[in-house]
Amino acid sequence: MIFREPTTSRKACLTGLIVALSLLAAYLCFISLVTLSVGFRHMDRLGFWVPILAGAIALATVIWIFLRAVKRVLSEMKDEDMINV
């Protein structure tokens, strides 16, 4: 069996994917934090807990999905290319 290191173009594409995922996650986290701040800023109004709850759930979901996706991409970078005959 011949084990080959993943090609540099594949590593570059996967690294670009991680960067794109990071930018998307940062944008979604920003939106979630804005929602949280709106909820905390308007605690004197009825139903202030709705944006707080929505922002917290969205933030937790974005972070969880981001970490799972990055873990998957990093594992793809470590896998060797094998041809099954």
Protein backbone atom coordinates (compact mmCIF):
# COMPACT_ATOMS: atom_id res chain seq x y z
CA MET A 1 0.00 0.00 0.00
CA ILE A 2 1.22 3.46 -0.84
CA PHE A 3 0.29 6.26 1.51
CA ARG A 4 0.34 9.72 0.07
CA GLU A 5 0.11 13.04 1.80
CA PRO A 6 -2.92 15.04 0.63
CA THR A 7 -2.03 17.37 -2.19
CA THR A 8 -1.34 21.01 -1.47
CA SER A 9 -4.27 22.12 -3.62
CA ARG A 10 -6.62 19.95 -1.56
CA LYS A 11 -5.18 21.37 1.66
CA ALA A 12 -5.56 24.90 0.28
CA CYS A 13 -9.20 24.27 -0.65
CA LEU A 14 -9.99 22.79 2.76
CA THR A 15 -8.21 25.68 4.48
CA GLY A 16 -10.29 28.09 2.38
CA LEU A 17 -13.39 26.20 3.47
CA ILE A 18 -12.43 26.64 7.12
CA VAL A 19 -11.92 30.38 6.55
CA ALA A 20 -15.32 30.66 4.84
CA LEU A 21 -16.99 28.74 7.67
CA SER A 22 -15.28 31.02 10.19
CA LEU A 23 -16.57 34.15 8.47
CA LEU A 24 -20.09 32.76 8.27
CA ALA A 25 -20.01 31.70 11.92
CA ALA A 26 -18.68 35.11 12.98
CA TYR A 27 -21.51 36.84 11.10
CA LEU A 28 -24.16 34.59 12.66
CA CYS A 29 -22.64 35.02 16.13
CA PHE A 30 -22.72 38.80 15.65
CA ILE A 31 -26.43 38.66 14.77
CA SER A 32 -27.09 36.46 17.82
CA LEU A 33 -25.20 38.85 20.09
CA VAL A 34 -27.18 41.80 18.72
CA THR A 35 -30.39 39.91 19.49
CA LEU A 36 -29.16 39.24 23.02
CA SER A 37 -28.27 42.88 23.56
CA VAL A 38 -31.70 44.02 22.34
CA GLY A 39 -33.34 41.67 24.83
CA PHE A 40 -31.19 42.86 27.73
CA ARG A 41 -31.61 46.51 26.77
CA HIS A 42 -35.41 46.27 26.86
CA MET A 43 -35.88 44.36 30.11
CA ASP A 44 -38.54 46.84 31.20
CA ARG A 45 -40.92 45.69 28.43
CA LEU A 46 -43.20 42.71 28.33
CA GLY A 47 -41.71 39.75 26.46
CA PHE A 48 -38.07 40.83 26.80
CA TRP A 49 -37.09 37.21 27.31
CA VAL A 50 -37.97 36.20 23.73
CA PRO A 51 -34.96 37.84 22.02
CA ILE A 52 -32.69 36.69 24.86
CA LEU A 53 -33.84 33.09 24.45
CA ALA A 54 -33.67 33.23 20.65
CA GLY A 55 -30.20 34.78 20.69
CA ALA A 56 -28.86 32.28 23.21
CA ILE A 57 -30.23 29.28 21.29
CA ALA A 58 -28.94 30.65 17.98
CA LEU A 59 -25.50 31.37 19.44
CA ALA A 60 -25.20 27.89 20.95
CA THR A 61 -26.36 26.27 17.72
CA VAL A 62 -23.94 28.25 15.54
CA ILE A 63 -20.98 27.46 17.78
CA TRP A 64 -21.90 23.75 17.95
CA ILE A 65 -22.33 23.42 14.16
CA PHE A 66 -19.12 25.38 13.52
CA LEU A 67 -17.04 23.19 15.82
CA ARG A 68 -18.46 19.99 14.30
CA ALA A 69 -17.83 21.24 10.75
CA VAL A 70 -14.25 22.30 11.47
CA LYS A 71 -13.55 18.99 13.19
CA ARG A 72 -14.85 17.16 10.11
CA VAL A 73 -12.78 19.26 7.69
CA LEU A 74 -9.64 18.79 9.78
CA SER A 75 -10.20 15.03 9.80
CA GLU A 76 -10.55 15.14 6.00
CA MET A 77 -7.19 16.89 5.82
CA LYS A 78 -5.57 14.04 7.75
CA ASP A 79 -7.11 11.18 5.75
CA GLU A 80 -4.93 9.49 3.19
CA ASP A 81 -6.18 9.02 -0.35
CA MET A 82 -6.77 5.33 -0.93
CA ILE A 83 -8.03 3.61 -4.03
CA ASN A 84 -10.18 0.53 -3.46
CA VAL A 85 -9.72 -2.05 -6.19
